[in-house]
Amino acid sequence: MIRKGTRAYQQLPSSPDAFVWLRLYQEEAWRAGVPRDPAEKLWWTLRRPFRPLTYHAARAMLNRANALLGAN
C-alpha cells in the first residue's frame, strides 16, 4: 500500500482468505468489462460506466455493511 501522508510504500499483513476474495472480485470485475491493466486502480464500480471507486463510495459501502451487521 502507499501511505496517504508520506506516499511511502508499505507492506501490510493479510490472511490467505483475503487474497482469495480479492481474486474472486477481480475475476467478476474483469468479466463485466473493467480494464485489466495492472497500472489501473484496484477497486471499481460494477455498474456502467465503470470508474474507479472513490473514497466516499467505498466508505458508504462499508457503512452499509456495518449497518447490516449491526457493527459500530
C-alpha atoms as a PDB file:
ATOM      1  CA  MET A   1       0.000   0.000   0.000  1.00  0.00           C
ATOM      2  CA  ILE A   2       1.065   3.605  -0.428  1.00  0.00           C
ATOM      3  CA  ARG A   3       0.711   5.715   2.703  1.00  0.00           C
ATOM      4  CA  LYS A   4      -1.552   8.729   2.404  1.00  0.00           C
ATOM      5  CA  GLY A   5       0.684  11.341   4.046  1.00  0.00           C
ATOM      6  CA  THR A   6       4.212  10.345   3.105  1.00  0.00           C
ATOM      7  CA  ARG A   7       3.376   8.468  -0.131  1.00  0.00           C
ATOM      8  CA  ALA A   8       5.829   5.811   1.102  1.00  0.00           C
ATOM      9  CA  TYR A   9       5.330   2.181   0.064  1.00  0.00           C
ATOM     10  CA  GLN A  10       4.412  -0.121   2.967  1.00  0.00           C
ATOM     11  CA  GLN A  11       3.689  -3.838   3.094  1.00  0.00           C
ATOM     12  CA  LEU A  12       0.711  -4.925   5.188  1.00  0.00           C
ATOM     13  CA  PRO A  13      -0.024  -8.353   6.640  1.00  0.00           C
ATOM     14  CA  SER A  14      -3.050 -10.139   5.230  1.00  0.00           C
ATOM     15  CA  SER A  15      -4.735 -13.512   5.506  1.00  0.00           C
ATOM     16  CA  PRO A  16      -4.742 -16.018   2.634  1.00  0.00           C
ATOM     17  CA  ASP A  17      -8.549 -15.781   2.562  1.00  0.00           C
ATOM     18  CA  ALA A  18      -8.315 -12.065   1.812  1.00  0.00           C
ATOM     19  CA  PHE A  19      -6.331 -12.809  -1.344  1.00  0.00           C
ATOM     20  CA  VAL A  20      -8.854 -15.436  -2.433  1.00  0.00           C
ATOM     21  CA  TRP A  21     -11.744 -12.965  -2.057  1.00  0.00           C
ATOM     22  CA  LEU A  22      -9.770 -10.253  -3.845  1.00  0.00           C
ATOM     23  CA  ARG A  23      -9.104 -12.560  -6.783  1.00  0.00           C
ATOM     24  CA  LEU A  24     -12.799 -13.527  -6.975  1.00  0.00           C
ATOM     25  CA  TYR A  25     -13.700  -9.827  -7.054  1.00  0.00           C
ATOM     26  CA  GLN A  26     -11.139  -9.179  -9.805  1.00  0.00           C
ATOM     27  CA  GLU A  27     -12.439 -12.029 -11.955  1.00  0.00           C
ATOM     28  CA  GLU A  28     -16.024 -10.775 -11.580  1.00  0.00           C
ATOM     29  CA  ALA A  29     -14.997  -7.214 -12.438  1.00  0.00           C
ATOM     30  CA  TRP A  30     -12.938  -8.297 -15.467  1.00  0.00           C
ATOM     31  CA  ARG A  31     -15.816 -10.405 -16.799  1.00  0.00           C
ATOM     32  CA  ALA A  32     -18.048  -7.327 -16.500  1.00  0.00           C
ATOM     33  CA  GLY A  33     -15.619  -5.263 -18.592  1.00  0.00           C
ATOM     34  CA  VAL A  34     -13.409  -3.432 -16.090  1.00  0.00           C
ATOM     35  CA  PRO A  35      -9.915  -2.733 -17.547  1.00  0.00           C
ATOM     36  CA  ARG A  36      -7.294  -5.409 -16.784  1.00  0.00           C
ATOM     37  CA  ASP A  37      -4.282  -3.102 -16.881  1.00  0.00           C
ATOM     38  CA  PRO A  38      -2.054  -3.625 -13.787  1.00  0.00           C
ATOM     39  CA  ALA A  39      -1.464   0.133 -13.646  1.00  0.00           C
ATOM     40  CA  GLU A  40      -5.205   0.763 -13.120  1.00  0.00           C
ATOM     41  CA  LYS A  41      -6.893   1.200  -9.739  1.00  0.00           C
ATOM     42  CA  LEU A  42      -7.879  -1.903  -7.788  1.00  0.00           C
ATOM     43  CA  TRP A  43     -11.474  -1.143  -6.766  1.00  0.00           C
ATOM     44  CA  TRP A  44     -14.062  -0.295  -9.454  1.00  0.00           C
ATOM     45  CA  THR A  45     -17.777   0.310  -9.628  1.00  0.00           C
ATOM     46  CA  LEU A  46     -19.522  -2.720 -11.083  1.00  0.00           C
ATOM     47  CA  ARG A  47     -22.154  -0.644 -12.883  1.00  0.00           C
ATOM     48  CA  ARG A  48     -21.625   1.141 -16.154  1.00  0.00           C
ATOM     49  CA  PRO A  49     -19.948   3.454 -16.741  1.00  0.00           C
ATOM     50  CA  PHE A  50     -17.085   1.680 -14.994  1.00  0.00           C
ATOM     51  CA  ARG A  51     -14.921   4.027 -12.951  1.00  0.00           C
ATOM     52  CA  PRO A  52     -12.532   3.664 -10.034  1.00  0.00           C
ATOM     53  CA  LEU A  53     -14.272   3.514  -6.660  1.00  0.00           C
ATOM     54  CA  THR A  54     -13.793   6.780  -4.784  1.00  0.00           C
ATOM     55  CA  TYR A  55     -13.043   7.108  -1.086  1.00  0.00           C
ATOM     56  CA  HIS A  56     -16.580   8.350  -0.395  1.00  0.00           C
ATOM     57  CA  ALA A  57     -18.211   5.489  -2.305  1.00  0.00           C
ATOM     58  CA  ALA A  58     -16.062   2.892  -0.507  1.00  0.00           C
ATOM     59  CA  ARG A  59     -16.864   4.482   2.856  1.00  0.00           C
ATOM     60  CA  ALA A  60     -20.599   4.429   2.108  1.00  0.00           C
ATOM     61  CA  MET A  61     -20.334   0.762   1.094  1.00  0.00           C
ATOM     62  CA  LEU A  62     -18.585  -0.144   4.357  1.00  0.00           C
ATOM     63  CA  ASN A  63     -21.104   1.874   6.392  1.00  0.00           C
ATOM     64  CA  ARG A  64     -23.976  -0.063   4.757  1.00  0.00           C
ATOM     65  CA  ALA A  65     -22.235  -3.371   5.516  1.00  0.00           C
ATOM     66  CA  ASN A  66     -21.698  -2.317   9.148  1.00  0.00           C
ATOM     67  CA  ALA A  67     -25.353  -1.332   9.460  1.00  0.00           C
ATOM     68  CA  LEU A  68     -26.462  -4.718   8.121  1.00  0.00           C
ATOM     69  CA  LEU A  69     -24.152  -6.496  10.544  1.00  0.00           C
ATOM     70  CA  GLY A  70     -25.130  -4.284  13.462  1.00  0.00           C
ATOM     71  CA  ALA A  71     -21.477  -3.305  13.925  1.00  0.00           C
ATOM     72  CA  ASN A  72     -20.292   0.082  15.071  1.00  0.00           C
END
